[in-house]
Amino acid sequence: MARLELELYADRLARHAERLRDDIDGARLRIAWGGIEAVARAELGARDVAVLEALGALVQPDAAAERRLLERRLRQLECVERLQAVVEQQLEAERS
């Protein structure tokens, strides 16, 4: 494979990894926010909760689904990072 093709492939993999990291960060935030919202729901009245849900301020995420997504994205990121290491080794060999 030509060096330019390897560099383009490495860039593509970097974009995949960045998207996965964004998904991971988002899932972690949604899990944390779910905990905060659970406390808020317990302290607020039913009317306030209904208003906040209608507004979209309280969303009650599916924590189990978010944890599954987080675990899946972490596994995917690990695989992409291993592939990136292989590509980097090939790039280094091309530079030598």
C-alpha atoms as a PDB file:
ATOM      1  CA  MET A   1       0.000   0.000   0.000  1.00  0.00           C
ATOM      2  CA  ALA A   2       1.311   3.439  -0.859  1.00  0.00           C
ATOM      3  CA  ARG A   3       2.165   5.860   1.924  1.00  0.00           C
ATOM      4  CA  LEU A   4      -0.566   8.309   0.885  1.00  0.00           C
ATOM      5  CA  GLU A   5      -3.196   5.549   1.046  1.00  0.00           C
ATOM      6  CA  LEU A   6      -1.964   4.580   4.505  1.00  0.00           C
ATOM      7  CA  GLU A   7      -2.124   8.182   5.704  1.00  0.00           C
ATOM      8  CA  LEU A   8      -5.646   8.592   4.357  1.00  0.00           C
ATOM      9  CA  TYR A   9      -6.665   5.341   6.012  1.00  0.00           C
ATOM     10  CA  ALA A  10      -5.108   6.492   9.299  1.00  0.00           C
ATOM     11  CA  ASP A  11      -7.092   9.751   9.057  1.00  0.00           C
ATOM     12  CA  ARG A  12     -10.280   7.789   8.447  1.00  0.00           C
ATOM     13  CA  LEU A  13      -9.601   5.632  11.499  1.00  0.00           C
ATOM     14  CA  ALA A  14      -8.905   8.730  13.589  1.00  0.00           C
ATOM     15  CA  ARG A  15     -12.332  10.098  12.634  1.00  0.00           C
ATOM     16  CA  HIS A  16     -13.953   6.776  13.621  1.00  0.00           C
ATOM     17  CA  ALA A  17     -12.153   6.855  16.962  1.00  0.00           C
ATOM     18  CA  GLU A  18     -13.208  10.450  17.590  1.00  0.00           C
ATOM     19  CA  ARG A  19     -16.860   9.648  16.879  1.00  0.00           C
ATOM     20  CA  LEU A  20     -16.676   6.684  19.239  1.00  0.00           C
ATOM     21  CA  ARG A  21     -15.123   8.868  21.954  1.00  0.00           C
ATOM     22  CA  ASP A  22     -17.933  11.382  21.483  1.00  0.00           C
ATOM     23  CA  ASP A  23     -20.517   8.582  21.830  1.00  0.00           C
ATOM     24  CA  ILE A  24     -18.731   7.323  24.964  1.00  0.00           C
ATOM     25  CA  ASP A  25     -18.704  10.790  26.519  1.00  0.00           C
ATOM     26  CA  GLY A  26     -22.374  11.266  25.646  1.00  0.00           C
ATOM     27  CA  ALA A  27     -23.394   7.944  27.181  1.00  0.00           C
ATOM     28  CA  ARG A  28     -21.462   8.711  30.355  1.00  0.00           C
ATOM     29  CA  LEU A  29     -23.147  12.109  30.618  1.00  0.00           C
ATOM     30  CA  ARG A  30     -26.612  10.660  30.036  1.00  0.00           C
ATOM     31  CA  ILE A  31     -26.001   8.060  32.762  1.00  0.00           C
ATOM     32  CA  ALA A  32     -24.883  10.788  35.178  1.00  0.00           C
ATOM     33  CA  TRP A  33     -27.790  13.036  34.234  1.00  0.00           C
ATOM     34  CA  GLY A  34     -30.176  10.140  34.822  1.00  0.00           C
ATOM     35  CA  GLY A  35     -28.963   9.948  38.407  1.00  0.00           C
ATOM     36  CA  ILE A  36     -29.414  13.673  38.870  1.00  0.00           C
ATOM     37  CA  GLU A  37     -32.891  13.512  37.353  1.00  0.00           C
ATOM     38  CA  ALA A  38     -33.874  10.613  39.629  1.00  0.00           C
ATOM     39  CA  VAL A  39     -33.078  12.768  42.665  1.00  0.00           C
ATOM     40  CA  ALA A  40     -34.914  15.741  41.147  1.00  0.00           C
ATOM     41  CA  ARG A  41     -38.007  13.641  40.370  1.00  0.00           C
ATOM     42  CA  ALA A  42     -38.123  12.482  43.988  1.00  0.00           C
ATOM     43  CA  GLU A  43     -37.981  16.066  45.236  1.00  0.00           C
ATOM     44  CA  LEU A  44     -40.251  17.764  42.687  1.00  0.00           C
ATOM     45  CA  GLY A  45     -43.990  17.381  42.538  1.00  0.00           C
ATOM     46  CA  ALA A  46     -45.763  15.431  39.807  1.00  0.00           C
ATOM     47  CA  ARG A  47     -46.900  18.662  38.147  1.00  0.00           C
ATOM     48  CA  ASP A  48     -43.352  20.047  37.909  1.00  0.00           C
ATOM     49  CA  VAL A  49     -42.064  16.731  36.600  1.00  0.00           C
ATOM     50  CA  ALA A  50     -44.768  16.672  33.930  1.00  0.00           C
ATOM     51  CA  VAL A  51     -43.930  20.226  32.856  1.00  0.00           C
ATOM     52  CA  LEU A  52     -40.208  19.480  32.754  1.00  0.00           C
ATOM     53  CA  GLU A  53     -40.800  16.283  30.762  1.00  0.00           C
ATOM     54  CA  ALA A  54     -42.968  18.154  28.261  1.00  0.00           C
ATOM     55  CA  LEU A  55     -40.246  20.771  27.968  1.00  0.00           C
ATOM     56  CA  GLY A  56     -37.643  18.065  27.398  1.00  0.00           C
ATOM     57  CA  ALA A  57     -35.627  19.102  30.444  1.00  0.00           C
ATOM     58  CA  LEU A  58     -36.294  15.734  32.118  1.00  0.00           C
ATOM     59  CA  VAL A  59     -35.923  12.819  29.746  1.00  0.00           C
ATOM     60  CA  GLN A  60     -35.539   9.770  31.994  1.00  0.00           C
ATOM     61  CA  PRO A  61     -32.945   7.917  29.935  1.00  0.00           C
ATOM     62  CA  ASP A  62     -32.867   4.134  29.929  1.00  0.00           C
ATOM     63  CA  ALA A  63     -29.806   3.637  32.142  1.00  0.00           C
ATOM     64  CA  ALA A  64     -29.411  -0.028  31.221  1.00  0.00           C
ATOM     65  CA  ALA A  65     -29.499   0.791  27.506  1.00  0.00           C
ATOM     66  CA  GLU A  66     -26.988   3.596  28.025  1.00  0.00           C
ATOM     67  CA  ARG A  67     -24.640   1.241  29.899  1.00  0.00           C
ATOM     68  CA  ARG A  68     -24.921  -1.327  27.088  1.00  0.00           C
ATOM     69  CA  LEU A  69     -24.163   1.391  24.543  1.00  0.00           C
ATOM     70  CA  LEU A  70     -21.204   2.563  26.618  1.00  0.00           C
ATOM     71  CA  GLU A  71     -19.791  -0.958  26.892  1.00  0.00           C
ATOM     72  CA  ARG A  72     -20.289  -1.577  23.152  1.00  0.00           C
ATOM     73  CA  ARG A  73     -18.629   1.711  22.178  1.00  0.00           C
ATOM     74  CA  LEU A  74     -15.689   1.029  24.515  1.00  0.00           C
ATOM     75  CA  ARG A  75     -15.139  -2.378  22.883  1.00  0.00           C
ATOM     76  CA  GLN A  76     -15.411  -0.815  19.434  1.00  0.00           C
ATOM     77  CA  LEU A  77     -12.935   1.908  20.340  1.00  0.00           C
ATOM     78  CA  GLU A  78     -10.459  -0.683  21.603  1.00  0.00           C
ATOM     79  CA  CYS A  79     -10.691  -2.503  18.258  1.00  0.00           C
ATOM     80  CA  VAL A  80     -10.255   0.697  16.253  1.00  0.00           C
ATOM     81  CA  GLU A  81      -7.246   1.637  18.379  1.00  0.00           C
ATOM     82  CA  ARG A  82      -5.661  -1.773  17.746  1.00  0.00           C
ATOM     83  CA  LEU A  83      -6.208  -1.285  14.013  1.00  0.00           C
ATOM     84  CA  GLN A  84      -4.725   2.200  14.270  1.00  0.00           C
ATOM     85  CA  ALA A  85      -1.604   0.689  15.860  1.00  0.00           C
ATOM     86  CA  VAL A  86      -1.235  -1.711  12.935  1.00  0.00           C
ATOM     87  CA  VAL A  87      -1.604   1.114  10.431  1.00  0.00           C
ATOM     88  CA  GLU A  88       0.881   3.260  12.362  1.00  0.00           C
ATOM     89  CA  GLN A  89       3.384   0.396  12.259  1.00  0.00           C
ATOM     90  CA  GLN A  90       2.943   0.187   8.501  1.00  0.00           C
ATOM     91  CA  LEU A  91       3.369   3.939   8.180  1.00  0.00           C
ATOM     92  CA  GLU A  92       6.540   3.790  10.255  1.00  0.00           C
ATOM     93  CA  ALA A  93       7.860   1.005   8.027  1.00  0.00           C
ATOM     94  CA  GLU A  94       7.122   3.169   4.963  1.00  0.00           C
ATOM     95  CA  ARG A  95       9.056   6.072   6.504  1.00  0.00           C
ATOM     96  CA  SER A  96      12.147   3.910   7.089  1.00  0.00           C
END
